Amino acid sequence: MNEETNDILLRIEQLLKGLLRTAVSKKLDEINADNTLRVIWDLTGGGTPVTQIAKKAKVSPWKVSTIWQSWQESGLVVKAGKSYQKTIA
């Protein structure tokens, strides 16, 4: 790829991230306002096992999985093996 193509792809990535942030900003506000959700969000995508996330958030592993599934439906995370990765930082 040449430099012009790289610049175009970078711009597309920036625009998509901006659109995604706009689309999920209300959900992110909800996460930031709730201590339990914030702990789960902060530990998501960093390789921390679900059992450890659950322990730190003081919920069951099943609850973490349920939250991840709802976040996936909202576009906040994507399935990555047995865990999830954030679509935005």
PDB file of N, CA and C in Angstrom:
ATOM      1  N   MET A   1       0.844  -1.189   0.000  1.00  0.00           N
ATOM      2  CA  MET A   1       0.000   0.000   0.000  1.00  0.00           C
ATOM      3  C   MET A   1       0.881   1.240   0.000  1.00  0.00           C
ATOM      4  N   ASN A   2       0.374   2.255  -0.624  1.00  0.00           N
ATOM      5  CA  ASN A   2       1.143   3.503  -0.639  1.00  0.00           C
ATOM      6  C   ASN A   2       0.665   4.437   0.466  1.00  0.00           C
ATOM      7  N   GLU A   3       1.370   5.532   0.615  1.00  0.00           N
ATOM      8  CA  GLU A   3       1.070   6.469   1.701  1.00  0.00           C
ATOM      9  C   GLU A   3      -0.335   7.061   1.583  1.00  0.00           C
ATOM     10  N   GLU A   4      -0.766   7.341   0.365  1.00  0.00           N
ATOM     11  CA  GLU A   4      -2.109   7.905   0.164  1.00  0.00           C
ATOM     12  C   GLU A   4      -3.188   6.914   0.618  1.00  0.00           C
ATOM     13  N   THR A   5      -3.009   5.645   0.294  1.00  0.00           N
ATOM     14  CA  THR A   5      -3.958   4.615   0.713  1.00  0.00           C
ATOM     15  C   THR A   5      -3.979   4.502   2.236  1.00  0.00           C
ATOM     16  N   ASN A   6      -2.807   4.513   2.847  1.00  0.00           N
ATOM     17  CA  ASN A   6      -2.730   4.457   4.306  1.00  0.00           C
ATOM     18  C   ASN A   6      -3.428   5.641   4.946  1.00  0.00           C
ATOM     19  N   ASP A   7      -3.257   6.830   4.388  1.00  0.00           N
ATOM     20  CA  ASP A   7      -3.921   8.022   4.914  1.00  0.00           C
ATOM     21  C   ASP A   7      -5.438   7.900   4.807  1.00  0.00           C
ATOM     22  N   ILE A   8      -5.909   7.378   3.695  1.00  0.00           N
ATOM     23  CA  ILE A   8      -7.353   7.199   3.492  1.00  0.00           C
ATOM     24  C   ILE A   8      -7.902   6.189   4.498  1.00  0.00           C
ATOM     25  N   LEU A   9      -7.191   5.070   4.665  1.00  0.00           N
ATOM     26  CA  LEU A   9      -7.647   4.054   5.621  1.00  0.00           C
ATOM     27  C   LEU A   9      -7.645   4.587   7.048  1.00  0.00           C
ATOM     28  N   LEU A  10      -6.642   5.362   7.400  1.00  0.00           N
ATOM     29  CA  LEU A  10      -6.589   5.963   8.736  1.00  0.00           C
ATOM     30  C   LEU A  10      -7.773   6.896   8.945  1.00  0.00           C
ATOM     31  N   ARG A  11      -8.101   7.688   7.941  1.00  0.00           N
ATOM     32  CA  ARG A  11      -9.237   8.619   8.038  1.00  0.00           C
ATOM     33  C   ARG A  11     -10.550   7.855   8.191  1.00  0.00           C
ATOM     34  N   ILE A  12     -10.700   6.769   7.434  1.00  0.00           N
ATOM     35  CA  ILE A  12     -11.908   5.942   7.540  1.00  0.00           C
ATOM     36  C   ILE A  12     -12.021   5.370   8.951  1.00  0.00           C
ATOM     37  N   GLU A  13     -10.904   4.879   9.476  1.00  0.00           N
ATOM     38  CA  GLU A  13     -10.902   4.337  10.838  1.00  0.00           C
ATOM     39  C   GLU A  13     -11.311   5.406  11.850  1.00  0.00           C
ATOM     40  N   GLN A  14     -10.782   6.606  11.721  1.00  0.00           N
ATOM     41  CA  GLN A  14     -11.119   7.699  12.635  1.00  0.00           C
ATOM     42  C   GLN A  14     -12.599   8.042  12.554  1.00  0.00           C
ATOM     43  N   LEU A  15     -13.138   8.113  11.342  1.00  0.00           N
ATOM     44  CA  LEU A  15     -14.557   8.426  11.165  1.00  0.00           C
ATOM     45  C   LEU A  15     -15.448   7.336  11.766  1.00  0.00           C
ATOM     46  N   LEU A  16     -15.092   6.066  11.539  1.00  0.00           N
ATOM     47  CA  LEU A  16     -15.882   4.970  12.096  1.00  0.00           C
ATOM     48  C   LEU A  16     -15.852   4.969  13.618  1.00  0.00           C
ATOM     49  N   LYS A  17     -14.692   5.233  14.198  1.00  0.00           N
ATOM     50  CA  LYS A  17     -14.600   5.308  15.658  1.00  0.00           C
ATOM     51  C   LYS A  17     -15.468   6.442  16.190  1.00  0.00           C
ATOM     52  N   GLY A  18     -15.468   7.578  15.501  1.00  0.00           N
ATOM     53  CA  GLY A  18     -16.298   8.705  15.916  1.00  0.00           C
ATOM     54  C   GLY A  18     -17.776   8.365  15.858  1.00  0.00           C
ATOM     55  N   LEU A  19     -18.189   7.711  14.784  1.00  0.00           N
ATOM     56  CA  LEU A  19     -19.595   7.303  14.652  1.00  0.00           C
ATOM     57  C   LEU A  19     -19.978   6.291  15.734  1.00  0.00           C
ATOM     58  N   LEU A  20     -19.097   5.354  16.014  1.00  0.00           N
ATOM     59  CA  LEU A  20     -19.373   4.358  17.046  1.00  0.00           C
ATOM     60  C   LEU A  20     -19.484   5.012  18.416  1.00  0.00           C
ATOM     61  N   ARG A  21     -18.585   5.923  18.716  1.00  0.00           N
ATOM     62  CA  ARG A  21     -18.650   6.625  20.009  1.00  0.00           C
ATOM     63  C   ARG A  21     -19.975   7.370  20.163  1.00  0.00           C
ATOM     64  N   THR A  22     -20.402   8.026  19.100  1.00  0.00           N
ATOM     65  CA  THR A  22     -21.669   8.752  19.137  1.00  0.00           C
ATOM     66  C   THR A  22     -22.824   7.789  19.379  1.00  0.00           C
ATOM     67  N   ALA A  23     -22.793   6.664  18.710  1.00  0.00           N
ATOM     68  CA  ALA A  23     -23.880   5.696  18.810  1.00  0.00           C
ATOM     69  C   ALA A  23     -23.964   5.054  20.195  1.00  0.00           C
ATOM     70  N   VAL A  24     -22.843   4.899  20.872  1.00  0.00           N
ATOM     71  CA  VAL A  24     -22.844   4.185  22.151  1.00  0.00           C
ATOM     72  C   VAL A  24     -22.576   5.091  23.350  1.00  0.00           C
ATOM     73  N   SER A  25     -22.555   6.388  23.140  1.00  0.00           N
ATOM     74  CA  SER A  25     -22.198   7.300  24.234  1.00  0.00           C
ATOM     75  C   SER A  25     -23.139   7.181  25.436  1.00  0.00           C
ATOM     76  N   LYS A  26     -24.432   6.987  25.192  1.00  0.00           N
ATOM     77  CA  LYS A  26     -25.382   6.844  26.304  1.00  0.00           C
ATOM     78  C   LYS A  26     -25.063   5.587  27.120  1.00  0.00           C
ATOM     79  N   LYS A  27     -24.748   4.503  26.430  1.00  0.00           N
ATOM     80  CA  LYS A  27     -24.415   3.253  27.113  1.00  0.00           C
ATOM     81  C   LYS A  27     -23.122   3.416  27.915  1.00  0.00           C
ATOM     82  N   LEU A  28     -22.137   4.122  27.363  1.00  0.00           N
ATOM     83  CA  LEU A  28     -20.893   4.366  28.089  1.00  0.00           C
ATOM     84  C   LEU A  28     -21.131   5.226  29.323  1.00  0.00           C
ATOM     85  N   ASP A  29     -22.045   6.174  29.221  1.00  0.00           N
ATOM     86  CA  ASP A  29     -22.401   6.987  30.391  1.00  0.00           C
ATOM     87  C   ASP A  29     -22.997   6.117  31.497  1.00  0.00           C
ATOM     88  N   GLU A  30     -23.837   5.156  31.117  1.00  0.00           N
ATOM     89  CA  GLU A  30     -24.421   4.230  32.086  1.00  0.00           C
ATOM     90  C   GLU A  30     -23.338   3.386  32.759  1.00  0.00           C
ATOM     91  N   ILE A  31     -22.387   2.933  31.981  1.00  0.00           N
ATOM     92  CA  ILE A  31     -21.292   2.121  32.524  1.00  0.00           C
ATOM     93  C   ILE A  31     -20.476   2.939  33.511  1.00  0.00           C
ATOM     94  N   ASN A  32     -20.147   4.158  33.147  1.00  0.00           N
ATOM     95  CA  ASN A  32     -19.333   5.009  34.014  1.00  0.00           C
ATOM     96  C   ASN A  32     -20.051   5.405  35.301  1.00  0.00           C
ATOM     97  N   ALA A  33     -21.374   5.406  35.280  1.00  0.00           N
ATOM     98  CA  ALA A  33     -22.149   5.806  36.454  1.00  0.00           C
ATOM     99  C   ALA A  33     -22.352   4.666  37.453  1.00  0.00           C
ATOM    100  N   ASP A  34     -22.065   3.441  37.047  1.00  0.00           N
ATOM    101  CA  ASP A  34     -22.286   2.266  37.894  1.00  0.00           C
ATOM    102  C   ASP A  34     -20.940   1.626  38.221  1.00  0.00           C
ATOM    103  N   ASN A  35     -20.609   1.547  39.511  1.00  0.00           N
ATOM    104  CA  ASN A  35     -19.299   1.028  39.923  1.00  0.00           C
ATOM    105  C   ASN A  35     -19.050  -0.405  39.448  1.00  0.00           C
ATOM    106  N   THR A  36     -20.058  -1.259  39.540  1.00  0.00           N
ATOM    107  CA  THR A  36     -19.896  -2.654  39.131  1.00  0.00           C
ATOM    108  C   THR A  36     -19.627  -2.745  37.631  1.00  0.00           C
ATOM    109  N   LEU A  37     -20.442  -2.039  36.853  1.00  0.00           N
ATOM    110  CA  LEU A  37     -20.242  -2.055  35.400  1.00  0.00           C
ATOM    111  C   LEU A  37     -18.888  -1.460  35.023  1.00  0.00           C
ATOM    112  N   ARG A  38     -18.476  -0.437  35.746  1.00  0.00           N
ATOM    113  CA  ARG A  38     -17.186   0.203  35.461  1.00  0.00           C
ATOM    114  C   ARG A  38     -16.026  -0.755  35.694  1.00  0.00           C
ATOM    115  N   VAL A  39     -16.087  -1.526  36.772  1.00  0.00           N
ATOM    116  CA  VAL A  39     -15.031  -2.511  37.054  1.00  0.00           C
ATOM    117  C   VAL A  39     -14.981  -3.540  35.923  1.00  0.00           C
ATOM    118  N   ILE A  40     -16.140  -4.048  35.529  1.00  0.00           N
ATOM    119  CA  ILE A  40     -16.191  -5.035  34.451  1.00  0.00           C
ATOM    120  C   ILE A  40     -15.663  -4.436  33.158  1.00  0.00           C
ATOM    121  N   TRP A  41     -16.078  -3.208  32.840  1.00  0.00           N
ATOM    122  CA  TRP A  41     -15.614  -2.536  31.624  1.00  0.00           C
ATOM    123  C   TRP A  41     -14.099  -2.358  31.635  1.00  0.00           C
ATOM    124  N   ASP A  42     -13.577  -1.894  32.752  1.00  0.00           N
ATOM    125  CA  ASP A  42     -12.138  -1.637  32.841  1.00  0.00           C
ATOM    126  C   ASP A  42     -11.309  -2.910  32.657  1.00  0.00           C
ATOM    127  N   LEU A  43     -11.841  -4.048  33.093  1.00  0.00           N
ATOM    128  CA  LEU A  43     -11.098  -5.309  33.012  1.00  0.00           C
ATOM    129  C   LEU A  43     -11.378  -6.099  31.727  1.00  0.00           C
ATOM    130  N   THR A  44     -12.363  -5.671  30.963  1.00  0.00           N
ATOM    131  CA  THR A  44     -12.712  -6.366  29.719  1.00  0.00           C
ATOM    132  C   THR A  44     -11.640  -6.142  28.665  1.00  0.00           C
ATOM    133  N   GLY A  45     -11.260  -7.235  28.004  1.00  0.00           N
ATOM    134  CA  GLY A  45     -10.328  -7.146  26.889  1.00  0.00           C
ATOM    135  C   GLY A  45      -8.869  -7.140  27.273  1.00  0.00           C
ATOM    136  N   GLY A  46      -8.580  -7.228  28.544  1.00  0.00           N
ATOM    137  CA  GLY A  46      -7.193  -7.198  28.981  1.00  0.00           C
ATOM    138  C   GLY A  46      -6.610  -8.563  29.302  1.00  0.00           C
ATOM    139  N   GLY A  47      -7.346  -9.615  28.983  1.00  0.00           N
ATOM    140  CA  GLY A  47      -6.867 -10.958  29.254  1.00  0.00           C
ATOM    141  C   GLY A  47      -7.182 -11.465  30.651  1.00  0.00           C
ATOM    142  N   THR A  48      -7.903 -10.674  31.438  1.00  0.00           N
ATOM    143  CA  THR A  48      -8.281 -11.092  32.791  1.00  0.00           C
ATOM    144  C   THR A  48      -9.390 -12.148  32.693  1.00  0.00           C
ATOM    145  N   PRO A  49      -9.217 -13.292  33.347  1.00  0.00           N
ATOM    146  CA  PRO A  49     -10.247 -14.342  33.304  1.00  0.00           C
ATOM    147  C   PRO A  49     -11.583 -13.851  33.876  1.00  0.00           C
ATOM    148  N   VAL A  50     -12.668 -14.379  33.330  1.00  0.00           N
ATOM    149  CA  VAL A  50     -14.007 -13.964  33.751  1.00  0.00           C
ATOM    150  C   VAL A  50     -14.209 -14.186  35.239  1.00  0.00           C
ATOM    151  N   THR A  51     -13.642 -15.259  35.788  1.00  0.00           N
ATOM    152  CA  THR A  51     -13.814 -15.514  37.223  1.00  0.00           C
ATOM    153  C   THR A  51     -13.151 -14.426  38.065  1.00  0.00           C
ATOM    154  N   GLN A  52     -12.021 -13.941  37.614  1.00  0.00           N
ATOM    155  CA  GLN A  52     -11.325 -12.875  38.339  1.00  0.00           C
ATOM    156  C   GLN A  52     -12.067 -11.541  38.198  1.00  0.00           C
ATOM    157  N   ILE A  53     -12.603 -11.289  37.009  1.00  0.00           N
ATOM    158  CA  ILE A  53     -13.406 -10.072  36.803  1.00  0.00           C
ATOM    159  C   ILE A  53     -14.618 -10.117  37.724  1.00  0.00           C
ATOM    160  N   ALA A  54     -15.290 -11.259  37.764  1.00  0.00           N
ATOM    161  CA  ALA A  54     -16.477 -11.412  38.609  1.00  0.00           C
ATOM    162  C   ALA A  54     -16.142 -11.179  40.073  1.00  0.00           C
ATOM    163  N   LYS A  55     -15.021 -11.727  40.513  1.00  0.00           N
ATOM    164  CA  LYS A  55     -14.619 -11.560  41.906  1.00  0.00           C
ATOM    165  C   LYS A  55     -14.367 -10.094  42.230  1.00  0.00           C
ATOM    166  N   LYS A  56     -13.657  -9.384  41.351  1.00  0.00           N
ATOM    167  CA  LYS A  56     -13.366  -7.971  41.589  1.00  0.00           C
ATOM    168  C   LYS A  56     -14.619  -7.109  41.525  1.00  0.00           C
ATOM    169  N   ALA A  57     -15.571  -7.501  40.671  1.00  0.00           N
ATOM    170  CA  ALA A  57     -16.818  -6.745  40.542  1.00  0.00           C
ATOM    171  C   ALA A  57     -17.872  -7.176  41.564  1.00  0.00           C
ATOM    172  N   LYS A  58     -17.563  -8.248  42.306  1.00  0.00           N
ATOM    173  CA  LYS A  58     -18.471  -8.791  43.324  1.00  0.00           C
ATOM    174  C   LYS A  58     -19.793  -9.262  42.726  1.00  0.00           C
ATOM    175  N   VAL A  59     -19.683  -9.957  41.591  1.00  0.00           N
ATOM    176  CA  VAL A  59     -20.833 -10.570  40.924  1.00  0.00           C
ATOM    177  C   VAL A  59     -20.424 -11.978  40.496  1.00  0.00           C
ATOM    178  N   SER A  60     -21.374 -12.735  39.982  1.00  0.00           N
ATOM    179  CA  SER A  60     -21.073 -14.089  39.504  1.00  0.00           C
ATOM    180  C   SER A  60     -20.459 -14.026  38.098  1.00  0.00           C
ATOM    181  N   PRO A  61     -19.695 -15.045  37.736  1.00  0.00           N
ATOM    182  CA  PRO A  61     -19.182 -15.104  36.359  1.00  0.00           C
ATOM    183  C   PRO A  61     -20.318 -15.085  35.332  1.00  0.00           C
ATOM    184  N   TRP A  62     -21.437 -15.722  35.678  1.00  0.00           N
ATOM    185  CA  TRP A  62     -22.597 -15.709  34.788  1.00  0.00           C
ATOM    186  C   TRP A  62     -23.071 -14.274  34.545  1.00  0.00           C
ATOM    187  N   LYS A  63     -23.076 -13.438  35.594  1.00  0.00           N
ATOM    188  CA  LYS A  63     -23.503 -12.045  35.468  1.00  0.00           C
ATOM    189  C   LYS A  63     -22.573 -11.288  34.526  1.00  0.00           C
ATOM    190  N   VAL A  64     -21.254 -11.513  34.643  1.00  0.00           N
ATOM    191  CA  VAL A  64     -20.293 -10.867  33.745  1.00  0.00           C
ATOM    192  C   VAL A  64     -20.588 -11.274  32.306  1.00  0.00           C
ATOM    193  N   SER A  65     -20.815 -12.555  32.076  1.00  0.00           N
ATOM    194  CA  SER A  65     -21.122 -13.041  30.727  1.00  0.00           C
ATOM    195  C   SER A  65     -22.395 -12.412  30.178  1.00  0.00           C
ATOM    196  N   THR A  66     -23.403 -12.286  31.039  1.00  0.00           N
ATOM    197  CA  THR A  66     -24.663 -11.664  30.628  1.00  0.00           C
ATOM    198  C   THR A  66     -24.451 -10.196  30.257  1.00  0.00           C
ATOM    199  N   ILE A  67     -23.655  -9.500  31.039  1.00  0.00           N
ATOM    200  CA  ILE A  67     -23.354  -8.093  30.757  1.00  0.00           C
ATOM    201  C   ILE A  67     -22.597  -7.987  29.438  1.00  0.00           C
ATOM    202  N   TRP A  68     -21.604  -8.855  29.241  1.00  0.00           N
ATOM    203  CA  TRP A  68     -20.853  -8.840  27.982  1.00  0.00           C
ATOM    204  C   TRP A  68     -21.784  -9.068  26.793  1.00  0.00           C
ATOM    205  N   GLN A  69     -22.730  -9.982  26.934  1.00  0.00           N
ATOM    206  CA  GLN A  69     -23.660 -10.258  25.841  1.00  0.00           C
ATOM    207  C   GLN A  69     -24.508  -9.031  25.517  1.00  0.00           C
ATOM    208  N   SER A  70     -24.947  -8.307  26.552  1.00  0.00           N
ATOM    209  CA  SER A  70     -25.740  -7.096  26.308  1.00  0.00           C
ATOM    210  C   SER A  70     -24.881  -6.013  25.657  1.00  0.00           C
ATOM    211  N   TRP A  71     -23.617  -5.947  26.072  1.00  0.00           N
ATOM    212  CA  TRP A  71     -22.712  -4.973  25.454  1.00  0.00           C
ATOM    213  C   TRP A  71     -22.426  -5.342  24.008  1.00  0.00           C
ATOM    214  N   GLN A  72     -22.380  -6.642  23.713  1.00  0.00           N
ATOM    215  CA  GLN A  72     -22.168  -7.074  22.334  1.00  0.00           C
ATOM    216  C   GLN A  72     -23.345  -6.637  21.465  1.00  0.00           C
ATOM    217  N   GLU A  73     -24.548  -6.770  21.969  1.00  0.00           N
ATOM    218  CA  GLU A  73     -25.737  -6.351  21.237  1.00  0.00           C
ATOM    219  C   GLU A  73     -25.737  -4.846  20.984  1.00  0.00           C
ATOM    220  N   SER A  74     -25.096  -4.086  21.893  1.00  0.00           N
ATOM    221  CA  SER A  74     -25.016  -2.631  21.748  1.00  0.00           C
ATOM    222  C   SER A  74     -23.832  -2.188  20.891  1.00  0.00           C
ATOM    223  N   GLY A  75     -22.957  -3.124  20.538  1.00  0.00           N
ATOM    224  CA  GLY A  75     -21.799  -2.783  19.724  1.00  0.00           C
ATOM    225  C   GLY A  75     -20.580  -2.340  20.515  1.00  0.00           C
ATOM    226  N   LEU A  76     -20.619  -2.502  21.836  1.00  0.00           N
ATOM    227  CA  LEU A  76     -19.484  -2.081  22.668  1.00  0.00           C
ATOM    228  C   LEU A  76     -18.343  -3.080  22.673  1.00  0.00           C
ATOM    229  N   VAL A  77     -18.670  -4.361  22.523  1.00  0.00           N
ATOM    230  CA  VAL A  77     -17.656  -5.413  22.551  1.00  0.00           C
ATOM    231  C   VAL A  77     -17.947  -6.429  21.445  1.00  0.00           C
ATOM    232  N   VAL A  78     -16.915  -7.215  21.126  1.00  0.00           N
ATOM    233  CA  VAL A  78     -17.075  -8.329  20.191  1.00  0.00           C
ATOM    234  C   VAL A  78     -16.500  -9.578  20.840  1.00  0.00           C
ATOM    235  N   LYS A  79     -17.056 -10.719  20.498  1.00  0.00           N
ATOM    236  CA  LYS A  79     -16.599 -12.005  21.036  1.00  0.00           C
ATOM    237  C   LYS A  79     -15.183 -12.273  20.544  1.00  0.00           C
ATOM    238  N   ALA A  80     -14.316 -12.677  21.476  1.00  0.00           N
ATOM    239  CA  ALA A  80     -12.927 -13.014  21.162  1.00  0.00           C
ATOM    240  C   ALA A  80     -12.564 -14.272  21.930  1.00  0.00           C
ATOM    241  N   GLY A  81     -12.811 -15.424  21.334  1.00  0.00           N
ATOM    242  CA  GLY A  81     -12.579 -16.683  22.032  1.00  0.00           C
ATOM    243  C   GLY A  81     -13.593 -16.872  23.144  1.00  0.00           C
ATOM    244  N   LYS A  82     -13.094 -17.075  24.369  1.00  0.00           N
ATOM    245  CA  LYS A  82     -13.975 -17.247  25.525  1.00  0.00           C
ATOM    246  C   LYS A  82     -14.290 -15.925  26.198  1.00  0.00           C
ATOM    247  N   SER A  83     -13.715 -14.853  25.711  1.00  0.00           N
ATOM    248  CA  SER A  83     -13.876 -13.551  26.326  1.00  0.00           C
ATOM    249  C   SER A  83     -14.420 -12.566  25.289  1.00  0.00           C
ATOM    250  N   TYR A  84     -14.293 -11.289  25.610  1.00  0.00           N
ATOM    251  CA  TYR A  84     -14.745 -10.227  24.715  1.00  0.00           C
ATOM    252  C   TYR A  84     -13.690  -9.146  24.615  1.00  0.00           C
ATOM    253  N   GLN A  85     -13.679  -8.433  23.505  1.00  0.00           N
ATOM    254  CA  GLN A  85     -12.776  -7.303  23.277  1.00  0.00           C
ATOM    255  C   GLN A  85     -13.635  -6.053  23.081  1.00  0.00           C
ATOM    256  N   LYS A  86     -13.175  -4.947  23.594  1.00  0.00           N
ATOM    257  CA  LYS A  86     -13.873  -3.679  23.397  1.00  0.00           C
ATOM    258  C   LYS A  86     -13.737  -3.242  21.937  1.00  0.00           C
ATOM    259  N   THR A  87     -14.814  -2.668  21.406  1.00  0.00           N
ATOM    260  CA  THR A  87     -14.731  -2.121  20.050  1.00  0.00           C
ATOM    261  C   THR A  87     -14.215  -0.693  20.081  1.00  0.00           C
ATOM    262  N   ILE A  88     -14.322  -0.070  21.260  1.00  0.00           N
ATOM    263  CA  ILE A  88     -13.784   1.276  21.455  1.00  0.00           C
ATOM    264  C   ILE A  88     -13.031   1.306  22.774  1.00  0.00           C
ATOM    265  N   ALA A  89     -12.083   2.206  22.849  1.00  0.00           N
ATOM    266  CA  ALA A  89     -11.294   2.307  24.099  1.00  0.00           C
ATOM    267  C   ALA A  89     -11.881   3.325  25.034  1.00  0.00           C
TER     268      ALA A  89
END
